[in-house]
Amino acid sequence: MSIELIGWASSAVLLLTLMRQVYTQWKTQATEGVSKWLFIGQLAASVGYTVYSFLLHNWVFLSSNIAILCTALVGEAMYLRNRRLKKGAGGQVRTGARRGN
């Protein structure tokens, strides 16, 4: 078993977890309990780790951190969209469940 396989598998688990969180935010349109600083910190860390991985020529971590950076950007976009929708709805948060359709 290649040592890199452990890195790729770990990266896949992390990315699936992050993508599920972003999907849940998109589906529920909720902003409660979600800090914008989470995404800002994730963006900053991902950029730093991406540069670091590139300089080390570590392709497992480079590709993983680029993907994590993308999930941070999508997560921040979902957070801002949900916050805007909440303000437009008079402060009421939609649960994402549609009734009558």
Protein backbone atom coordinates (compact mmCIF):
# COMPACT_ATOMS: atom_id res chain seq x y z
CA MET A 1 0.00 0.00 0.00
CA SER A 2 1.37 3.35 -1.00
CA ILE A 3 1.83 5.96 1.71
CA GLU A 4 0.21 8.52 -0.62
CA LEU A 5 -2.97 6.43 -0.62
CA ILE A 6 -3.43 7.30 3.06
CA GLY A 7 -3.16 10.99 2.18
CA TRP A 8 -5.61 10.72 -0.72
CA ALA A 9 -8.13 8.78 1.37
CA SER A 10 -7.89 11.27 4.23
CA SER A 11 -8.31 14.13 1.81
CA ALA A 12 -11.43 12.51 0.35
CA VAL A 13 -12.99 12.09 3.80
CA LEU A 14 -12.28 15.73 4.71
CA LEU A 15 -13.61 17.05 1.40
CA LEU A 16 -16.78 14.97 1.60
CA THR A 17 -17.39 16.31 5.10
CA LEU A 18 -16.90 19.92 4.00
CA MET A 19 -19.04 19.49 0.90
CA ARG A 20 -21.84 18.01 3.00
CA GLN A 21 -21.74 21.06 5.29
CA VAL A 22 -21.90 23.45 2.33
CA TYR A 23 -24.78 21.43 0.82
CA THR A 24 -26.67 21.53 4.12
CA GLN A 25 -26.26 25.32 4.27
CA TRP A 26 -27.50 25.64 0.70
CA LYS A 27 -30.49 23.36 1.29
CA THR A 28 -31.64 24.84 4.61
CA GLN A 29 -30.67 28.44 3.80
CA ALA A 30 -29.78 28.80 7.47
CA THR A 31 -27.15 31.14 8.88
CA GLU A 32 -27.60 30.49 12.60
CA GLY A 33 -24.52 29.05 14.23
CA VAL A 34 -22.41 29.64 11.12
CA SER A 35 -19.60 32.09 11.61
CA LYS A 36 -18.26 34.06 8.68
CA TRP A 37 -14.90 33.80 10.45
CA LEU A 38 -14.96 30.05 9.88
CA PHE A 39 -14.82 30.61 6.15
CA ILE A 40 -12.37 33.50 6.37
CA GLY A 41 -10.04 31.36 8.46
CA GLN A 42 -10.52 28.40 6.14
CA LEU A 43 -9.70 30.59 3.13
CA ALA A 44 -6.55 31.98 4.74
CA ALA A 45 -5.35 28.56 5.88
CA SER A 46 -6.11 26.95 2.53
CA VAL A 47 -4.18 29.59 0.61
CA GLY A 48 -1.21 29.21 2.95
CA TYR A 49 -1.28 25.41 2.80
CA THR A 50 -1.66 25.50 -0.98
CA VAL A 51 1.46 27.64 -1.39
CA TYR A 52 3.32 25.51 1.16
CA SER A 53 2.33 22.26 -0.58
CA PHE A 54 3.36 23.66 -3.97
CA LEU A 55 6.77 24.71 -2.66
CA LEU A 56 7.27 21.20 -1.22
CA HIS A 57 6.02 19.58 -4.45
CA ASN A 58 3.53 17.59 -2.37
CA TRP A 59 0.78 16.92 -4.91
CA VAL A 60 -1.55 15.15 -2.47
CA PHE A 61 -1.74 18.16 -0.19
CA LEU A 62 -1.63 20.65 -3.06
CA SER A 63 -4.69 19.19 -4.77
CA SER A 64 -6.45 18.66 -1.43
CA ASN A 65 -5.90 22.24 -0.36
CA ILE A 66 -7.04 23.62 -3.71
CA ALA A 67 -10.25 21.61 -3.32
CA ILE A 68 -10.66 22.79 0.28
CA LEU A 69 -10.12 26.36 -0.90
CA CYS A 70 -12.94 25.86 -3.40
CA THR A 71 -15.28 24.55 -0.68
CA ALA A 72 -14.42 27.60 1.44
CA LEU A 73 -15.34 29.91 -1.43
CA VAL A 74 -18.62 28.08 -2.07
CA GLY A 75 -19.36 28.01 1.68
CA GLU A 76 -18.80 31.75 1.98
CA ALA A 77 -21.03 32.35 -1.05
CA MET A 78 -23.78 30.23 0.56
CA TYR A 79 -23.42 32.08 3.85
CA LEU A 80 -23.72 35.48 2.15
CA ARG A 81 -26.64 34.32 -0.01
CA ASN A 82 -28.50 32.88 2.97
CA ARG A 83 -27.90 36.04 5.00
CA ARG A 84 -29.21 38.16 2.11
CA LEU A 85 -32.28 35.92 1.73
CA LYS A 86 -32.93 36.12 5.46
CA LYS A 87 -32.82 39.93 5.39
CA GLY A 88 -35.11 39.95 2.35
CA ALA A 89 -37.61 37.70 4.13
CA GLY A 90 -37.95 40.08 7.06
CA GLY A 91 -35.61 38.10 9.27
CA GLN A 92 -37.45 34.80 8.90
CA VAL A 93 -35.25 31.86 8.04
CA ARG A 94 -36.50 29.27 5.62
CA THR A 95 -35.93 25.67 6.65
CA GLY A 96 -35.43 24.47 3.10
CA ALA A 97 -38.47 22.19 3.28
CA ARG A 98 -41.11 23.05 0.72
CA ARG A 99 -44.71 22.27 1.42
CA GLY A 100 -47.46 21.96 -1.11
CA ASN A 101 -45.15 21.19 -4.07
